[in-house]
Amino acid sequence: MHLIPADFLKPLVIIMLIAVLIYTLLKKKWDGLSTFSGLSGWRGVAIAACALALGVYDGFFGPGTGSFLIFMYLLAGFDFVGASANAKVLNFGSNLASLATFFALGSVNIYYGLPMGIAMIAGALVGTRLAVRKGSAYVKPLFIIVTTVLIGKQLWSVFTGS
């Protein structure tokens, strides 16, 4: 069976999302230049381990992956807009791998999935262009709002059992 109940992960996701939100709120400077200088040494190993863990998490459960990816890129030294853009690309690749897996398992409803996929791609393109044009002054508050809504949705899910 390829369906695994993920109820035990929900409280952990909530805690991790709250930690990311607090870090985002406390970090004052997001619009500075990127300090990313490559993935060498321990930094490269740490980022690779984070990417692997997030890939497993995204394939197994999923909610909040985009926020966690942005956080990973921020820790690697990217500026907020660069972190957001790179997170989108990595998340897209992860979603393609998930889609291929679900196709192989015969678990894709093309009639629902295709329109949703097209709408998500269109939204990502519009959002990315807007983020690049407006910069971190626009992206940071939006990130905070989306992360807060996601925390609320996860809390609702835990307390209502839905």
N, C-alpha and C. Protein backbone atom coordinates (compact mmCIF):
# COMPACT_ATOMS: atom_id res chain seq x y z
N MET A 1 0.84 -1.18 0.00
CA MET A 1 0.00 0.00 0.00
C MET A 1 0.89 1.24 0.00
N HIS A 2 0.53 2.24 -0.79
CA HIS A 2 1.35 3.44 -0.90
C HIS A 2 0.76 4.64 -0.15
N LEU A 3 -0.30 4.42 0.59
CA LEU A 3 -0.88 5.49 1.40
C LEU A 3 -0.44 5.32 2.85
N ILE A 4 0.27 6.31 3.36
CA ILE A 4 0.77 6.26 4.73
C ILE A 4 0.14 7.40 5.50
N PRO A 5 -0.53 7.12 6.62
CA PRO A 5 -1.12 8.21 7.40
C PRO A 5 -0.02 9.11 7.96
N ALA A 6 -0.18 10.41 7.79
CA ALA A 6 0.85 11.35 8.20
C ALA A 6 0.43 12.19 9.40
N ASP A 7 -0.58 11.76 10.14
CA ASP A 7 -1.08 12.55 11.27
C ASP A 7 -0.02 12.85 12.32
N PHE A 8 0.90 11.93 12.51
CA PHE A 8 1.92 12.15 13.54
C PHE A 8 2.92 13.24 13.13
N LEU A 9 2.99 13.60 11.85
CA LEU A 9 3.91 14.65 11.40
C LEU A 9 3.35 16.05 11.58
N LYS A 10 2.05 16.18 11.66
CA LYS A 10 1.43 17.52 11.68
C LYS A 10 1.95 18.40 12.83
N PRO A 11 2.03 17.90 14.07
CA PRO A 11 2.55 18.77 15.13
C PRO A 11 4.01 19.20 14.89
N LEU A 12 4.82 18.32 14.35
CA LEU A 12 6.21 18.67 14.05
C LEU A 12 6.28 19.75 12.97
N VAL A 13 5.45 19.64 11.96
CA VAL A 13 5.41 20.64 10.90
C VAL A 13 5.01 22.00 11.47
N ILE A 14 4.05 22.01 12.35
CA ILE A 14 3.60 23.26 12.97
C ILE A 14 4.75 23.90 13.73
N ILE A 15 5.47 23.13 14.51
CA ILE A 15 6.60 23.65 15.28
C ILE A 15 7.68 24.20 14.35
N MET A 16 7.99 23.46 13.27
CA MET A 16 9.02 23.92 12.34
C MET A 16 8.58 25.19 11.62
N LEU A 17 7.31 25.27 11.21
CA LEU A 17 6.82 26.48 10.55
C LEU A 17 6.84 27.68 11.49
N ILE A 18 6.50 27.47 12.74
CA ILE A 18 6.55 28.57 13.72
C ILE A 18 7.99 29.03 13.90
N ALA A 19 8.95 28.10 13.94
CA ALA A 19 10.36 28.47 14.07
C ALA A 19 10.82 29.29 12.87
N VAL A 20 10.43 28.88 11.66
CA VAL A 20 10.79 29.63 10.45
C VAL A 20 10.16 31.02 10.49
N LEU A 21 8.90 31.11 10.92
CA LEU A 21 8.21 32.39 11.00
C LEU A 21 8.90 33.32 12.00
N ILE A 22 9.24 32.80 13.16
CA ILE A 22 9.91 33.62 14.18
C ILE A 22 11.25 34.12 13.66
N TYR A 23 12.02 33.23 13.04
CA TYR A 23 13.31 33.62 12.47
C TYR A 23 13.12 34.73 11.44
N THR A 24 12.12 34.59 10.60
CA THR A 24 11.84 35.58 9.56
C THR A 24 11.46 36.92 10.18
N LEU A 25 10.64 36.89 11.22
CA LEU A 25 10.22 38.13 11.87
C LEU A 25 11.38 38.82 12.59
N LEU A 26 12.29 38.05 13.17
CA LEU A 26 13.40 38.62 13.93
C LEU A 26 14.55 39.11 13.06
N LYS A 27 14.72 38.52 11.90
CA LYS A 27 15.81 38.93 11.01
C LYS A 27 15.40 40.22 10.32
N LYS A 28 16.10 41.28 10.62
CA LYS A 28 15.70 42.61 10.15
C LYS A 28 16.09 42.88 8.70
N LYS A 29 17.25 42.40 8.28
CA LYS A 29 17.76 42.78 6.97
C LYS A 29 17.60 41.64 5.97
N TRP A 30 16.64 41.78 5.05
CA TRP A 30 16.42 40.77 4.02
C TRP A 30 16.81 41.28 2.64
N ASP A 31 16.97 42.57 2.50
CA ASP A 31 17.20 43.12 1.17
C ASP A 31 18.68 43.33 0.86
N GLY A 32 19.56 42.81 1.69
CA GLY A 32 20.98 42.95 1.44
C GLY A 32 21.44 42.09 0.29
N LEU A 33 22.70 42.20 -0.01
CA LEU A 33 23.28 41.40 -1.08
C LEU A 33 23.45 39.96 -0.62
N SER A 34 23.41 39.08 -1.57
CA SER A 34 23.61 37.67 -1.29
C SER A 34 25.05 37.44 -0.83
N THR A 35 25.22 36.63 0.20
CA THR A 35 26.55 36.27 0.67
C THR A 35 26.90 34.85 0.26
N PHE A 36 26.08 34.26 -0.58
CA PHE A 36 26.32 32.89 -1.03
C PHE A 36 27.63 32.84 -1.81
N SER A 37 28.50 31.91 -1.43
CA SER A 37 29.80 31.80 -2.09
C SER A 37 30.08 30.39 -2.59
N GLY A 38 29.05 29.60 -2.70
CA GLY A 38 29.23 28.23 -3.18
C GLY A 38 28.97 27.21 -2.10
N LEU A 39 28.89 25.98 -2.51
CA LEU A 39 28.62 24.89 -1.57
C LEU A 39 29.87 24.04 -1.40
N SER A 40 30.78 24.54 -0.61
CA SER A 40 32.00 23.78 -0.36
C SER A 40 32.11 23.46 1.12
N GLY A 41 32.85 22.41 1.42
CA GLY A 41 33.10 22.05 2.80
C GLY A 41 31.84 21.64 3.55
N TRP A 42 31.84 21.98 4.82
CA TRP A 42 30.72 21.60 5.69
C TRP A 42 29.42 22.27 5.30
N ARG A 43 29.51 23.49 4.80
CA ARG A 43 28.29 24.19 4.36
C ARG A 43 27.61 23.40 3.23
N GLY A 44 28.39 22.91 2.31
CA GLY A 44 27.84 22.11 1.21
C GLY A 44 27.21 20.82 1.70
N VAL A 45 27.87 20.17 2.66
CA VAL A 45 27.32 18.94 3.23
C VAL A 45 26.03 19.23 3.98
N ALA A 46 26.01 20.32 4.75
CA ALA A 46 24.80 20.68 5.52
C ALA A 46 23.63 21.01 4.59
N ILE A 47 23.89 21.77 3.54
CA ILE A 47 22.82 22.13 2.61
C ILE A 47 22.34 20.90 1.85
N ALA A 48 23.26 20.01 1.46
CA ALA A 48 22.87 18.77 0.78
C ALA A 48 22.01 17.90 1.71
N ALA A 49 22.37 17.82 2.98
CA ALA A 49 21.58 17.05 3.94
C ALA A 49 20.20 17.67 4.13
N CYS A 50 20.14 19.00 4.19
CA CYS A 50 18.84 19.69 4.30
C CYS A 50 18.00 19.41 3.06
N ALA A 51 18.61 19.49 1.88
CA ALA A 51 17.87 19.25 0.63
C ALA A 51 17.34 17.83 0.58
N LEU A 52 18.15 16.87 1.01
CA LEU A 52 17.70 15.47 1.04
C LEU A 52 16.54 15.30 2.01
N ALA A 53 16.68 15.87 3.21
CA ALA A 53 15.61 15.75 4.22
C ALA A 53 14.32 16.41 3.72
N LEU A 54 14.45 17.58 3.08
CA LEU A 54 13.26 18.25 2.57
C LEU A 54 12.64 17.49 1.41
N GLY A 55 13.46 16.85 0.60
CA GLY A 55 12.93 16.03 -0.49
C GLY A 55 12.12 14.86 0.03
N VAL A 56 12.64 14.19 1.07
CA VAL A 56 11.91 13.08 1.69
C VAL A 56 10.62 13.61 2.32
N TYR A 57 10.73 14.72 3.04
CA TYR A 57 9.55 15.31 3.68
C TYR A 57 8.50 15.69 2.63
N ASP A 58 8.94 16.34 1.55
CA ASP A 58 8.01 16.78 0.51
C ASP A 58 7.32 15.60 -0.15
N GLY A 59 8.06 14.54 -0.39
CA GLY A 59 7.47 13.36 -1.01
C GLY A 59 6.53 12.62 -0.08
N PHE A 60 6.81 12.67 1.22
CA PHE A 60 6.02 11.93 2.19
C PHE A 60 4.81 12.70 2.68
N PHE A 61 4.99 14.02 2.91
CA PHE A 61 3.94 14.80 3.55
C PHE A 61 3.64 16.07 2.77
N GLY A 62 4.57 17.02 2.70
CA GLY A 62 4.46 18.14 1.80
C GLY A 62 4.17 19.54 2.31
N PRO A 63 3.19 19.76 3.21
CA PRO A 63 2.84 21.14 3.57
C PRO A 63 4.03 21.92 4.13
N GLY A 64 4.23 23.12 3.63
CA GLY A 64 5.29 23.99 4.13
C GLY A 64 6.62 23.82 3.43
N THR A 65 6.72 22.93 2.47
CA THR A 65 8.01 22.68 1.82
C THR A 65 8.60 23.95 1.23
N GLY A 66 7.79 24.76 0.57
CA GLY A 66 8.29 26.00 -0.01
C GLY A 66 8.90 26.92 1.04
N SER A 67 8.24 27.04 2.19
CA SER A 67 8.77 27.88 3.27
C SER A 67 10.08 27.31 3.80
N PHE A 68 10.14 26.00 3.96
CA PHE A 68 11.37 25.38 4.45
C PHE A 68 12.51 25.53 3.45
N LEU A 69 12.19 25.44 2.16
CA LEU A 69 13.23 25.62 1.13
C LEU A 69 13.76 27.05 1.14
N ILE A 70 12.88 28.03 1.26
CA ILE A 70 13.33 29.42 1.34
C ILE A 70 14.25 29.58 2.54
N PHE A 71 13.87 29.02 3.67
CA PHE A 71 14.69 29.10 4.88
C PHE A 71 16.05 28.47 4.64
N MET A 72 16.09 27.32 3.97
CA MET A 72 17.36 26.65 3.68
C MET A 72 18.26 27.55 2.82
N TYR A 73 17.69 28.17 1.80
CA TYR A 73 18.48 29.05 0.94
C TYR A 73 18.94 30.30 1.69
N LEU A 74 18.13 30.81 2.60
CA LEU A 74 18.55 31.95 3.41
C LEU A 74 19.75 31.58 4.27
N LEU A 75 19.70 30.40 4.86
CA LEU A 75 20.82 29.93 5.68
C LEU A 75 22.08 29.73 4.84
N ALA A 76 21.90 29.41 3.56
CA ALA A 76 23.04 29.23 2.66
C ALA A 76 23.66 30.57 2.25
N GLY A 77 22.95 31.68 2.52
CA GLY A 77 23.51 32.99 2.23
C GLY A 77 22.84 33.75 1.11
N PHE A 78 21.75 33.23 0.56
CA PHE A 78 21.04 33.94 -0.50
C PHE A 78 20.23 35.09 0.09
N ASP A 79 20.00 36.14 -0.72
CA ASP A 79 19.07 37.18 -0.31
C ASP A 79 17.66 36.62 -0.43
N PHE A 80 16.66 37.33 0.10
CA PHE A 80 15.31 36.78 0.20
C PHE A 80 14.70 36.48 -1.17
N VAL A 81 14.85 37.38 -2.12
CA VAL A 81 14.27 37.15 -3.45
C VAL A 81 15.00 35.99 -4.14
N GLY A 82 16.31 35.93 -4.03
CA GLY A 82 17.07 34.82 -4.60
C GLY A 82 16.70 33.50 -3.96
N ALA A 83 16.51 33.52 -2.64
CA ALA A 83 16.11 32.30 -1.93
C ALA A 83 14.73 31.85 -2.41
N SER A 84 13.82 32.81 -2.58
CA SER A 84 12.47 32.47 -3.04
C SER A 84 12.50 31.90 -4.45
N ALA A 85 13.28 32.50 -5.33
CA ALA A 85 13.35 32.04 -6.71
C ALA A 85 13.95 30.63 -6.79
N ASN A 86 15.03 30.41 -6.07
CA ASN A 86 15.66 29.09 -6.08
C ASN A 86 14.77 28.04 -5.44
N ALA A 87 14.04 28.42 -4.40
CA ALA A 87 13.12 27.48 -3.76
C ALA A 87 12.03 27.06 -4.73
N LYS A 88 11.55 28.00 -5.55
CA LYS A 88 10.52 27.67 -6.54
C LYS A 88 11.02 26.61 -7.51
N VAL A 89 12.26 26.78 -7.99
CA VAL A 89 12.82 25.83 -8.96
C VAL A 89 12.98 24.45 -8.32
N LEU A 90 13.53 24.42 -7.12
CA LEU A 90 13.74 23.13 -6.44
C LEU A 90 12.40 22.47 -6.10
N ASN A 91 11.44 23.25 -5.65
CA ASN A 91 10.12 22.72 -5.33
C ASN A 91 9.44 22.17 -6.58
N PHE A 92 9.62 22.85 -7.72
CA PHE A 92 9.06 22.38 -8.98
C PHE A 92 9.65 21.02 -9.36
N GLY A 93 10.97 20.89 -9.21
CA GLY A 93 11.62 19.61 -9.49
C GLY A 93 11.11 18.50 -8.60
N SER A 94 10.93 18.80 -7.33
CA SER A 94 10.40 17.83 -6.38
C SER A 94 8.98 17.43 -6.75
N ASN A 95 8.19 18.42 -7.16
CA ASN A 95 6.81 18.13 -7.56
C ASN A 95 6.76 17.27 -8.82
N LEU A 96 7.68 17.49 -9.75
CA LEU A 96 7.74 16.64 -10.94
C LEU A 96 8.07 15.19 -10.56
N ALA A 97 9.01 15.02 -9.64
CA ALA A 97 9.37 13.67 -9.19
C ALA A 97 8.17 13.01 -8.50
N SER A 98 7.45 13.76 -7.69
CA SER A 98 6.26 13.23 -7.03
C SER A 98 5.20 12.85 -8.06
N LEU A 99 5.02 13.70 -9.05
CA LEU A 99 4.04 13.42 -10.09
C LEU A 99 4.38 12.13 -10.83
N ALA A 100 5.66 11.96 -11.16
CA ALA A 100 6.09 10.74 -11.85
C ALA A 100 5.82 9.51 -10.99
N THR A 101 6.08 9.63 -9.69
CA THR A 101 5.83 8.52 -8.77
C THR A 101 4.34 8.19 -8.69
N PHE A 102 3.52 9.22 -8.56
CA PHE A 102 2.08 8.99 -8.48
C PHE A 102 1.52 8.43 -9.79
N PHE A 103 2.07 8.87 -10.93
CA PHE A 103 1.68 8.28 -12.21
C PHE A 103 2.01 6.80 -12.23
N ALA A 104 3.22 6.46 -11.78
CA ALA A 104 3.65 5.06 -11.76
C ALA A 104 2.76 4.21 -10.86
N LEU A 105 2.23 4.83 -9.79
CA LEU A 105 1.36 4.11 -8.86
C LEU A 105 -0.11 4.14 -9.30
N GLY A 106 -0.39 4.83 -10.39
CA GLY A 106 -1.77 4.92 -10.87
C GLY A 106 -2.66 5.77 -9.99
N SER A 107 -2.08 6.78 -9.34
CA SER A 107 -2.84 7.60 -8.40
C SER A 107 -3.07 9.02 -8.88
N VAL A 108 -3.07 9.26 -10.17
CA VAL A 108 -3.26 10.61 -10.70
C VAL A 108 -4.62 10.70 -11.37
N ASN A 109 -5.39 11.70 -10.98
CA ASN A 109 -6.65 12.01 -11.65
C ASN A 109 -6.36 13.18 -12.58
N ILE A 110 -6.15 12.88 -13.85
CA ILE A 110 -5.74 13.88 -14.83
C ILE A 110 -6.77 14.98 -15.00
N TYR A 111 -8.05 14.68 -14.78
CA TYR A 111 -9.11 15.68 -14.96
C TYR A 111 -9.06 16.78 -13.90
N TYR A 112 -8.62 16.44 -12.70
CA TYR A 112 -8.43 17.45 -11.65
C TYR A 112 -7.01 18.01 -11.71
N GLY A 113 -6.06 17.13 -11.90
CA GLY A 113 -4.66 17.51 -11.81
C GLY A 113 -4.18 18.46 -12.89
N LEU A 114 -4.59 18.23 -14.13
CA LEU A 114 -4.11 19.07 -15.22
C LEU A 114 -4.54 20.53 -15.08
N PRO A 115 -5.82 20.84 -14.84
CA PRO A 115 -6.18 22.26 -14.66
C PRO A 115 -5.50 22.88 -13.43
N MET A 116 -5.37 22.10 -12.35
CA MET A 116 -4.70 22.62 -11.16
C MET A 116 -3.23 22.89 -11.44
N GLY A 117 -2.58 21.98 -12.16
CA GLY A 117 -1.17 22.17 -12.50
C GLY A 117 -0.95 23.39 -13.37
N ILE A 118 -1.80 23.58 -14.36
CA ILE A 118 -1.69 24.75 -15.23
C ILE A 118 -1.89 26.04 -14.43
N ALA A 119 -2.89 26.04 -13.55
CA ALA A 119 -3.13 27.23 -12.72
C ALA A 119 -1.96 27.51 -11.78
N MET A 120 -1.37 26.46 -11.23
CA MET A 120 -0.23 26.64 -10.32
C MET A 120 0.99 27.19 -11.07
N ILE A 121 1.24 26.68 -12.26
CA ILE A 121 2.36 27.18 -13.06
C ILE A 121 2.14 28.64 -13.42
N ALA A 122 0.93 28.99 -13.84
CA ALA A 122 0.61 30.39 -14.17
C ALA A 122 0.80 31.28 -12.94
N GLY A 123 0.31 30.83 -11.79
CA GLY A 123 0.48 31.60 -10.56
C GLY A 123 1.93 31.77 -10.17
N ALA A 124 2.72 30.72 -10.34
CA ALA A 124 4.15 30.79 -10.01
C ALA A 124 4.88 31.77 -10.93
N LEU A 125 4.52 31.76 -12.22
CA LEU A 125 5.16 32.69 -13.16
C LEU A 125 4.82 34.14 -12.82
N VAL A 126 3.55 34.40 -12.56
CA VAL A 126 3.14 35.76 -12.21
C VAL A 126 3.78 36.18 -10.89
N GLY A 127 3.74 35.30 -9.90
CA GLY A 127 4.32 35.62 -8.60
C GLY A 127 5.82 35.85 -8.64
N THR A 128 6.53 35.05 -9.44
CA THR A 128 7.97 35.22 -9.55
C THR A 128 8.32 36.54 -10.20
N ARG A 129 7.63 36.89 -11.26
CA ARG A 129 7.89 38.17 -11.93
C ARG A 129 7.60 39.34 -11.00
N LEU A 130 6.53 39.24 -10.24
CA LEU A 130 6.17 40.28 -9.29
C LEU A 130 7.23 40.40 -8.19
N ALA A 131 7.70 39.27 -7.69
CA ALA A 131 8.72 39.27 -6.63
C ALA A 131 10.02 39.89 -7.12
N VAL A 132 10.44 39.56 -8.33
CA VAL A 132 11.68 40.12 -8.87
C VAL A 132 11.52 41.62 -9.08
N ARG A 133 10.36 42.05 -9.56
CA ARG A 133 10.12 43.46 -9.83
C ARG A 133 10.01 44.28 -8.54
N LYS A 134 9.33 43.73 -7.53
CA LYS A 134 9.07 44.51 -6.31
C LYS A 134 10.12 44.29 -5.21
N GLY A 135 10.85 43.18 -5.24
CA GLY A 135 11.92 42.94 -4.29
C GLY A 135 11.44 42.42 -2.94
N SER A 136 12.38 42.40 -1.99
CA SER A 136 12.11 41.78 -0.69
C SER A 136 11.10 42.56 0.14
N ALA A 137 10.93 43.85 -0.13
CA ALA A 137 9.92 44.63 0.59
C ALA A 137 8.52 44.09 0.33
N TYR A 138 8.34 43.44 -0.80
CA TYR A 138 7.06 42.82 -1.15
C TYR A 138 7.04 41.35 -0.74
N VAL A 139 8.16 40.65 -0.97
CA VAL A 139 8.20 39.21 -0.76
C VAL A 139 8.14 38.84 0.72
N LYS A 140 8.85 39.56 1.57
CA LYS A 140 8.90 39.19 2.98
C LYS A 140 7.53 39.23 3.65
N PRO A 141 6.75 40.32 3.52
CA PRO A 141 5.41 40.31 4.13
C PRO A 141 4.51 39.21 3.57
N LEU A 142 4.61 38.97 2.26
CA LEU A 142 3.82 37.91 1.65
C LEU A 142 4.22 36.55 2.21
N PHE A 143 5.52 36.32 2.37
CA PHE A 143 6.02 35.07 2.95
C PHE A 143 5.48 34.91 4.37
N ILE A 144 5.50 35.98 5.15
CA ILE A 144 5.00 35.93 6.53
C ILE A 144 3.50 35.60 6.54
N ILE A 145 2.74 36.21 5.66
CA ILE A 145 1.29 35.96 5.59
C ILE A 145 1.03 34.50 5.20
N VAL A 146 1.70 34.03 4.15
CA VAL A 146 1.46 32.67 3.68
C VAL A 146 1.88 31.65 4.74
N THR A 147 3.01 31.87 5.40
CA THR A 147 3.45 30.95 6.44
C THR A 147 2.48 30.95 7.61
N THR A 148 1.97 32.12 7.99
CA THR A 148 1.00 32.21 9.08
C THR A 148 -0.30 31.49 8.72
N VAL A 149 -0.76 31.67 7.49
CA VAL A 149 -1.98 30.97 7.05
C VAL A 149 -1.75 29.46 7.05
N LEU A 150 -0.57 29.03 6.61
CA LEU A 150 -0.26 27.60 6.60
C LEU A 150 -0.21 27.04 8.02
N ILE A 151 0.35 27.80 8.96
CA ILE A 151 0.34 27.36 10.36
C ILE A 151 -1.10 27.23 10.85
N GLY A 152 -1.93 28.23 10.54
CA GLY A 152 -3.34 28.18 10.94
C GLY A 152 -4.06 26.99 10.34
N LYS A 153 -3.79 26.70 9.07
CA LYS A 153 -4.42 25.57 8.41
C LYS A 153 -3.99 24.25 9.06
N GLN A 154 -2.72 24.14 9.39
CA GLN A 154 -2.22 22.93 10.03
C GLN A 154 -2.80 22.78 11.44
N LEU A 155 -2.89 23.89 12.18
CA LEU A 155 -3.50 23.83 13.52
C LEU A 155 -4.97 23.42 13.42
N TRP A 156 -5.69 23.99 12.46
CA TRP A 156 -7.09 23.63 12.24
C TRP A 156 -7.21 22.15 11.96
N SER A 157 -6.35 21.65 11.13
CA SER A 157 -6.35 20.24 10.75
C SER A 157 -6.10 19.33 11.96
N VAL A 158 -5.16 19.73 12.82
CA VAL A 158 -4.86 18.93 14.01
C VAL A 158 -6.04 18.93 14.97
N PHE A 159 -6.64 20.10 15.20
CA PHE A 159 -7.70 20.19 16.21
C PHE A 159 -9.06 19.71 15.74
N THR A 160 -9.29 19.72 14.42
CA THR A 160 -10.58 19.26 13.92
C THR A 160 -10.52 17.85 13.35
N GLY A 161 -9.30 17.36 13.17
CA GLY A 161 -9.15 16.00 12.61
C GLY A 161 -9.44 15.93 11.13
N SER A 162 -9.43 17.08 10.45
CA SER A 162 -9.71 17.06 9.00
C SER A 162 -8.46 17.23 8.19
